[in-house]
PDB file of N, CA and C in Angstrom:
ATOM      1  N   MET A   1       6.698 -24.317 -25.074  1.00  0.00           N
ATOM      2  CA  MET A   1       5.802 -23.340 -25.613  1.00  0.00           C
ATOM      3  C   MET A   1       4.506 -23.915 -25.387  1.00  0.00           C
ATOM      4  N   ASP A   2       3.389 -22.920 -25.048  1.00  0.00           N
ATOM      5  CA  ASP A   2       1.987 -23.404 -24.988  1.00  0.00           C
ATOM      6  C   ASP A   2       1.508 -23.344 -26.426  1.00  0.00           C
ATOM      7  N   MET A   3       0.229 -23.662 -26.419  1.00  0.00           N
ATOM      8  CA  MET A   3      -0.703 -23.494 -27.660  1.00  0.00           C
ATOM      9  C   MET A   3      -0.615 -22.260 -28.377  1.00  0.00           C
ATOM     10  N   ASN A   4      -0.524 -21.231 -27.570  1.00  0.00           N
ATOM     11  CA  ASN A   4      -0.470 -19.860 -28.124  1.00  0.00           C
ATOM     12  C   ASN A   4       0.924 -19.371 -28.519  1.00  0.00           C
ATOM     13  N   ASN A   5       1.903 -20.357 -28.592  1.00  0.00           N
ATOM     14  CA  ASN A   5       3.106 -20.080 -28.904  1.00  0.00           C
ATOM     15  C   ASN A   5       3.927 -19.015 -28.147  1.00  0.00           C
ATOM     16  N   ARG A   6       3.457 -19.143 -26.923  1.00  0.00           N
ATOM     17  CA  ARG A   6       4.153 -18.310 -25.686  1.00  0.00           C
ATOM     18  C   ARG A   6       4.981 -19.267 -24.948  1.00  0.00           C
ATOM     19  N   PRO A   7       6.258 -18.766 -24.498  1.00  0.00           N
ATOM     20  CA  PRO A   7       6.926 -19.808 -23.554  1.00  0.00           C
ATOM     21  C   PRO A   7       6.183 -20.062 -22.322  1.00  0.00           C
ATOM     22  N   SER A   8       6.461 -21.268 -21.784  1.00  0.00           N
ATOM     23  CA  SER A   8       5.761 -21.479 -20.491  1.00  0.00           C
ATOM     24  C   SER A   8       6.370 -20.527 -19.255  1.00  0.00           C
ATOM     25  N   ILE A   9       5.637 -20.399 -18.244  1.00  0.00           N
ATOM     26  CA  ILE A   9       6.311 -19.496 -17.123  1.00  0.00           C
ATOM     27  C   ILE A   9       7.443 -20.400 -16.619  1.00  0.00           C
ATOM     28  N   SER A  10       7.193 -21.663 -16.519  1.00  0.00           N
ATOM     29  CA  SER A  10       8.313 -22.627 -15.914  1.00  0.00           C
ATOM     30  C   SER A  10       8.597 -23.754 -16.872  1.00  0.00           C
ATOM     31  N   SER A  11       9.788 -23.742 -17.282  1.00  0.00           N
ATOM     32  CA  SER A  11       9.850 -25.028 -18.017  1.00  0.00           C
ATOM     33  C   SER A  11      10.822 -26.218 -17.362  1.00  0.00           C
ATOM     34  N   THR A  12      10.948 -25.637 -15.947  1.00  0.00           N
ATOM     35  CA  THR A  12      11.803 -26.637 -15.310  1.00  0.00           C
ATOM     36  C   THR A  12      10.692 -27.944 -14.816  1.00  0.00           C
ATOM     37  N   PRO A  13      11.275 -29.171 -15.030  1.00  0.00           N
ATOM     38  CA  PRO A  13      10.400 -30.301 -14.379  1.00  0.00           C
ATOM     39  C   PRO A  13      10.286 -30.118 -13.127  1.00  0.00           C
ATOM     40  N   ALA A  14       8.937 -30.671 -12.496  1.00  0.00           N
ATOM     41  CA  ALA A  14       8.529 -30.438 -11.260  1.00  0.00           C
ATOM     42  C   ALA A  14       9.372 -31.464 -10.340  1.00  0.00           C
ATOM     43  N   SER A  15      10.398 -31.132  -9.536  1.00  0.00           N
ATOM     44  CA  SER A  15      10.856 -32.011  -8.600  1.00  0.00           C
ATOM     45  C   SER A  15       9.797 -32.267  -7.506  1.00  0.00           C
ATOM     46  N   PRO A  16      10.229 -33.217  -6.600  1.00  0.00           N
ATOM     47  CA  PRO A  16       9.442 -33.614  -5.522  1.00  0.00           C
ATOM     48  C   PRO A  16       9.254 -32.295  -4.613  1.00  0.00           C
ATOM     49  N   GLU A  17      10.419 -31.723  -4.193  1.00  0.00           N
ATOM     50  CA  GLU A  17      10.497 -30.301  -3.620  1.00  0.00           C
ATOM     51  C   GLU A  17       9.613 -29.268  -4.085  1.00  0.00           C
ATOM     52  N   ARG A  18       9.604 -29.211  -5.436  1.00  0.00           N
ATOM     53  CA  ARG A  18       9.136 -28.000  -6.098  1.00  0.00           C
ATOM     54  C   ARG A  18       7.515 -28.293  -5.962  1.00  0.00           C
ATOM     55  N   LEU A  19       7.074 -29.704  -6.115  1.00  0.00           N
ATOM     56  CA  LEU A  19       5.522 -29.938  -6.102  1.00  0.00           C
ATOM     57  C   LEU A  19       5.268 -29.792  -4.628  1.00  0.00           C
ATOM     58  N   ALA A  20       5.946 -30.051  -3.635  1.00  0.00           N
ATOM     59  CA  ALA A  20       5.657 -29.854  -2.287  1.00  0.00           C
ATOM     60  C   ALA A  20       5.468 -28.424  -1.945  1.00  0.00           C
ATOM     61  N   LEU A  21       6.412 -27.514  -2.587  1.00  0.00           N
ATOM     62  CA  LEU A  21       6.107 -26.093  -2.401  1.00  0.00           C
ATOM     63  C   LEU A  21       4.760 -25.605  -3.031  1.00  0.00           C
ATOM     64  N   ALA A  22       4.665 -26.157  -4.159  1.00  0.00           N
ATOM     65  CA  ALA A  22       3.517 -25.727  -4.928  1.00  0.00           C
ATOM     66  C   ALA A  22       2.192 -26.094  -4.105  1.00  0.00           C
ATOM     67  N   GLN A  23       2.071 -27.344  -3.493  1.00  0.00           N
ATOM     68  CA  GLN A  23       0.981 -27.795  -2.875  1.00  0.00           C
ATOM     69  C   GLN A  23       0.861 -27.037  -1.472  1.00  0.00           C
ATOM     70  N   GLN A  24       2.027 -26.646  -0.885  1.00  0.00           N
ATOM     71  CA  GLN A  24       1.933 -25.635   0.254  1.00  0.00           C
ATOM     72  C   GLN A  24       1.198 -24.452  -0.007  1.00  0.00           C
ATOM     73  N   ALA A  25       1.870 -23.865  -1.156  1.00  0.00           N
ATOM     74  CA  ALA A  25       1.382 -22.610  -1.629  1.00  0.00           C
ATOM     75  C   ALA A  25      -0.171 -22.791  -1.952  1.00  0.00           C
ATOM     76  N   PHE A  26      -0.549 -23.676  -2.639  1.00  0.00           N
ATOM     77  CA  PHE A  26      -2.088 -23.894  -2.885  1.00  0.00           C
ATOM     78  C   PHE A  26      -2.910 -23.840  -1.884  1.00  0.00           C
ATOM     79  N   GLU A  27      -2.456 -24.618  -0.916  1.00  0.00           N
ATOM     80  CA  GLU A  27      -3.228 -24.794   0.427  1.00  0.00           C
ATOM     81  C   GLU A  27      -3.353 -23.473   1.324  1.00  0.00           C
ATOM     82  N   ARG A  28      -2.054 -22.876   1.299  1.00  0.00           N
ATOM     83  CA  ARG A  28      -1.917 -21.554   2.011  1.00  0.00           C
ATOM     84  C   ARG A  28      -2.842 -20.309   1.431  1.00  0.00           C
ATOM     85  N   PHE A  29      -2.834 -20.271  -0.053  1.00  0.00           N
ATOM     86  CA  PHE A  29      -3.344 -19.244  -0.662  1.00  0.00           C
ATOM     87  C   PHE A  29      -4.685 -19.618  -1.236  1.00  0.00           C
ATOM     88  N   HIS A  30      -5.113 -20.776  -0.994  1.00  0.00           N
ATOM     89  CA  HIS A  30      -6.610 -21.362  -1.615  1.00  0.00           C
ATOM     90  C   HIS A  30      -7.640 -20.261  -1.747  1.00  0.00           C
ATOM     91  N   THR A  31      -7.741 -19.578  -0.614  1.00  0.00           N
ATOM     92  CA  THR A  31      -8.905 -18.721  -0.417  1.00  0.00           C
ATOM     93  C   THR A  31      -8.914 -17.483  -1.320  1.00  0.00           C
ATOM     94  N   CYS A  32      -7.603 -16.812  -1.538  1.00  0.00           N
ATOM     95  CA  CYS A  32      -7.507 -15.680  -2.223  1.00  0.00           C
ATOM     96  C   CYS A  32      -7.129 -15.929  -3.507  1.00  0.00           C
ATOM     97  N   CYS A  33      -6.306 -16.955  -3.908  1.00  0.00           N
ATOM     98  CA  CYS A  33      -5.797 -17.120  -5.307  1.00  0.00           C
ATOM     99  C   CYS A  33      -6.177 -18.261  -6.103  1.00  0.00           C
ATOM    100  N   PHE A  34      -6.921 -19.232  -5.447  1.00  0.00           N
ATOM    101  CA  PHE A  34      -7.425 -20.395  -6.018  1.00  0.00           C
ATOM    102  C   PHE A  34      -8.946 -20.862  -5.652  1.00  0.00           C
ATOM    103  N   TRP A  35      -9.626 -19.992  -5.591  1.00  0.00           N
ATOM    104  CA  TRP A  35     -10.953 -20.218  -4.968  1.00  0.00           C
ATOM    105  C   TRP A  35     -12.036 -20.880  -6.018  1.00  0.00           C
ATOM    106  N   PHE A  36     -11.390 -20.965  -7.261  1.00  0.00           N
ATOM    107  CA  PHE A  36     -12.239 -21.504  -8.348  1.00  0.00           C
ATOM    108  C   PHE A  36     -11.750 -23.139  -8.609  1.00  0.00           C
ATOM    109  N   MET A  37     -10.756 -23.569  -7.642  1.00  0.00           N
ATOM    110  CA  MET A  37     -10.297 -24.896  -7.971  1.00  0.00           C
ATOM    111  C   MET A  37     -10.640 -25.623  -6.730  1.00  0.00           C
ATOM    112  N   ARG A  38     -10.873 -27.001  -6.798  1.00  0.00           N
ATOM    113  CA  ARG A  38     -11.148 -27.982  -5.745  1.00  0.00           C
ATOM    114  C   ARG A  38     -10.230 -27.736  -4.618  1.00  0.00           C
ATOM    115  N   GLU A  39     -10.718 -27.480  -3.403  1.00  0.00           N
ATOM    116  CA  GLU A  39      -9.930 -27.322  -2.220  1.00  0.00           C
ATOM    117  C   GLU A  39      -9.046 -28.715  -1.742  1.00  0.00           C
ATOM    118  N   ASP A  40      -9.348 -29.862  -2.370  1.00  0.00           N
ATOM    119  CA  ASP A  40      -8.702 -31.106  -1.982  1.00  0.00           C
ATOM    120  C   ASP A  40      -7.746 -31.379  -3.010  1.00  0.00           C
ATOM    121  N   LEU A  41      -7.354 -30.478  -4.134  1.00  0.00           N
ATOM    122  CA  LEU A  41      -6.575 -30.870  -5.190  1.00  0.00           C
ATOM    123  C   LEU A  41      -5.237 -31.196  -4.692  1.00  0.00           C
ATOM    124  N   ARG A  42      -4.655 -32.255  -5.429  1.00  0.00           N
ATOM    125  CA  ARG A  42      -3.375 -32.788  -5.142  1.00  0.00           C
ATOM    126  C   ARG A  42      -2.585 -32.332  -6.233  1.00  0.00           C
ATOM    127  N   VAL A  43      -1.633 -31.306  -6.030  1.00  0.00           N
ATOM    128  CA  VAL A  43      -0.906 -30.549  -7.231  1.00  0.00           C
ATOM    129  C   VAL A  43      -0.051 -31.420  -7.806  1.00  0.00           C
ATOM    130  N   GLY A  44      -0.078 -31.492  -9.008  1.00  0.00           N
ATOM    131  CA  GLY A  44       0.736 -32.296  -9.929  1.00  0.00           C
ATOM    132  C   GLY A  44       1.634 -31.436 -10.854  1.00  0.00           C
ATOM    133  N   GLU A  45       2.361 -32.081 -11.598  1.00  0.00           N
ATOM    134  CA  GLU A  45       3.332 -31.254 -12.413  1.00  0.00           C
ATOM    135  C   GLU A  45       2.483 -30.288 -13.296  1.00  0.00           C
ATOM    136  N   GLU A  46       1.475 -31.016 -13.797  1.00  0.00           N
ATOM    137  CA  GLU A  46       0.560 -30.157 -14.809  1.00  0.00           C
ATOM    138  C   GLU A  46      -0.141 -28.888 -14.199  1.00  0.00           C
ATOM    139  N   ASP A  47      -0.155 -28.986 -12.749  1.00  0.00           N
ATOM    140  CA  ASP A  47      -0.875 -27.590 -12.029  1.00  0.00           C
ATOM    141  C   ASP A  47       0.250 -26.900 -11.773  1.00  0.00           C
ATOM    142  N   VAL A  48       1.449 -26.783 -11.756  1.00  0.00           N
ATOM    143  CA  VAL A  48       2.321 -25.933 -11.278  1.00  0.00           C
ATOM    144  C   VAL A  48       2.432 -24.586 -12.019  1.00  0.00           C
ATOM    145  N   GLU A  49       2.089 -24.521 -13.245  1.00  0.00           N
ATOM    146  CA  GLU A  49       2.009 -23.374 -14.026  1.00  0.00           C
ATOM    147  C   GLU A  49       0.776 -22.540 -13.524  1.00  0.00           C
ATOM    148  N   MET A  50      -0.167 -23.168 -13.405  1.00  0.00           N
ATOM    149  CA  MET A  50      -1.485 -22.502 -12.784  1.00  0.00           C
ATOM    150  C   MET A  50      -1.274 -21.980 -11.577  1.00  0.00           C
ATOM    151  N   ILE A  51      -0.627 -22.623 -10.602  1.00  0.00           N
ATOM    152  CA  ILE A  51      -0.346 -22.138  -9.216  1.00  0.00           C
ATOM    153  C   ILE A  51       0.564 -20.821  -9.397  1.00  0.00           C
ATOM    154  N   ILE A  52       1.562 -20.807 -10.165  1.00  0.00           N
ATOM    155  CA  ILE A  52       2.302 -19.766 -10.378  1.00  0.00           C
ATOM    156  C   ILE A  52       1.411 -18.613 -10.861  1.00  0.00           C
ATOM    157  N   ARG A  53       0.705 -18.694 -11.950  1.00  0.00           N
ATOM    158  CA  ARG A  53      -0.038 -17.626 -12.454  1.00  0.00           C
ATOM    159  C   ARG A  53      -1.122 -17.220 -11.315  1.00  0.00           C
ATOM    160  N   GLY A  54      -1.585 -18.006 -10.673  1.00  0.00           N
ATOM    161  CA  GLY A  54      -2.641 -17.540  -9.587  1.00  0.00           C
ATOM    162  C   GLY A  54      -1.923 -16.850  -8.405  1.00  0.00           C
ATOM    163  N   LEU A  55      -0.773 -17.342  -8.031  1.00  0.00           N
ATOM    164  CA  LEU A  55       0.041 -16.611  -6.905  1.00  0.00           C
ATOM    165  C   LEU A  55       0.380 -15.255  -7.567  1.00  0.00           C
ATOM    166  N   ARG A  56       0.920 -15.109  -8.654  1.00  0.00           N
ATOM    167  CA  ARG A  56       1.222 -13.821  -8.977  1.00  0.00           C
ATOM    168  C   ARG A  56      -0.022 -12.762  -9.374  1.00  0.00           C
ATOM    169  N   ALA A  57      -1.081 -13.386  -9.807  1.00  0.00           N
ATOM    170  CA  ALA A  57      -2.245 -12.728 -10.226  1.00  0.00           C
ATOM    171  C   ALA A  57      -3.056 -12.097  -8.990  1.00  0.00           C
ATOM    172  N   HIS A  58      -3.151 -12.955  -7.987  1.00  0.00           N
ATOM    173  CA  HIS A  58      -4.075 -12.767  -6.911  1.00  0.00           C
ATOM    174  C   HIS A  58      -3.508 -12.774  -5.582  1.00  0.00           C
ATOM    175  N   GLY A  59      -2.202 -13.000  -5.500  1.00  0.00           N
ATOM    176  CA  GLY A  59      -1.417 -13.136  -4.098  1.00  0.00           C
ATOM    177  C   GLY A  59      -0.841 -11.919  -3.677  1.00  0.00           C
ATOM    178  N   ASN A  60      -0.342 -11.841  -2.520  1.00  0.00           N
ATOM    179  CA  ASN A  60       0.333 -10.783  -1.888  1.00  0.00           C
ATOM    180  C   ASN A  60       1.771 -10.773  -2.080  1.00  0.00           C
ATOM    181  N   ARG A  61       2.618 -10.195  -1.444  1.00  0.00           N
ATOM    182  CA  ARG A  61       4.099 -10.262  -1.655  1.00  0.00           C
ATOM    183  C   ARG A  61       4.573 -11.575  -1.393  1.00  0.00           C
ATOM    184  N   GLU A  62       4.247 -12.227  -0.269  1.00  0.00           N
ATOM    185  CA  GLU A  62       4.581 -13.516  -0.030  1.00  0.00           C
ATOM    186  C   GLU A  62       4.363 -14.413  -1.075  1.00  0.00           C
ATOM    187  N   ALA A  63       3.117 -14.485  -1.763  1.00  0.00           N
ATOM    188  CA  ALA A  63       2.798 -15.437  -2.807  1.00  0.00           C
ATOM    189  C   ALA A  63       3.513 -15.070  -3.937  1.00  0.00           C
ATOM    190  N   PHE A  64       3.983 -13.827  -4.191  1.00  0.00           N
ATOM    191  CA  PHE A  64       4.646 -13.597  -5.456  1.00  0.00           C
ATOM    192  C   PHE A  64       6.115 -14.070  -5.382  1.00  0.00           C
ATOM    193  N   LEU A  65       6.553 -13.974  -4.035  1.00  0.00           N
ATOM    194  CA  LEU A  65       7.986 -14.638  -3.882  1.00  0.00           C
ATOM    195  C   LEU A  65       7.935 -16.176  -4.042  1.00  0.00           C
ATOM    196  N   ILE A  66       6.922 -16.707  -3.406  1.00  0.00           N
ATOM    197  CA  ILE A  66       6.845 -18.135  -3.572  1.00  0.00           C
ATOM    198  C   ILE A  66       6.761 -18.580  -5.093  1.00  0.00           C
ATOM    199  N   ALA A  67       5.948 -17.790  -5.867  1.00  0.00           N
ATOM    200  CA  ALA A  67       5.847 -18.054  -7.275  1.00  0.00           C
ATOM    201  C   ALA A  67       7.315 -17.867  -7.910  1.00  0.00           C
ATOM    202  N   ALA A  68       8.021 -16.960  -7.579  1.00  0.00           N
ATOM    203  CA  ALA A  68       9.347 -16.742  -8.167  1.00  0.00           C
ATOM    204  C   ALA A  68      10.305 -17.990  -7.684  1.00  0.00           C
ATOM    205  N   ARG A  69      10.191 -18.545  -6.631  1.00  0.00           N
ATOM    206  CA  ARG A  69      10.933 -19.740  -6.309  1.00  0.00           C
ATOM    207  C   ARG A  69      10.432 -20.931  -7.057  1.00  0.00           C
ATOM    208  N   LEU A  70       9.221 -21.094  -7.399  1.00  0.00           N
ATOM    209  CA  LEU A  70       8.567 -22.137  -8.121  1.00  0.00           C
ATOM    210  C   LEU A  70       9.124 -22.040  -9.592  1.00  0.00           C
ATOM    211  N   CYS A  71       9.520 -20.838 -10.099  1.00  0.00           N
ATOM    212  CA  CYS A  71      10.012 -20.563 -11.416  1.00  0.00           C
ATOM    213  C   CYS A  71      11.435 -21.138 -11.609  1.00  0.00           C
ATOM    214  N   ARG A  72      12.197 -21.327 -10.532  1.00  0.00           N
ATOM    215  CA  ARG A  72      13.687 -21.599 -10.566  1.00  0.00           C
ATOM    216  C   ARG A  72      13.770 -23.092 -10.939  1.00  0.00           C
TER     217      ARG A  72
END
């Protein structure tokens, strides 16, 4: 749970494959979903939840489907 007593979007630990997918999604959708973040960010486990939220909130169908994969 996060500080607001809400469950996290994803409670799954970030495997190397999951981190790689999050990094690819970040790079692919940086302009439309992550414009407020550094373009050279190396996605870590602590960033995956923000990547999921950004993909869902600002992305297209492809981004939404990637977010769903990251939640598994």
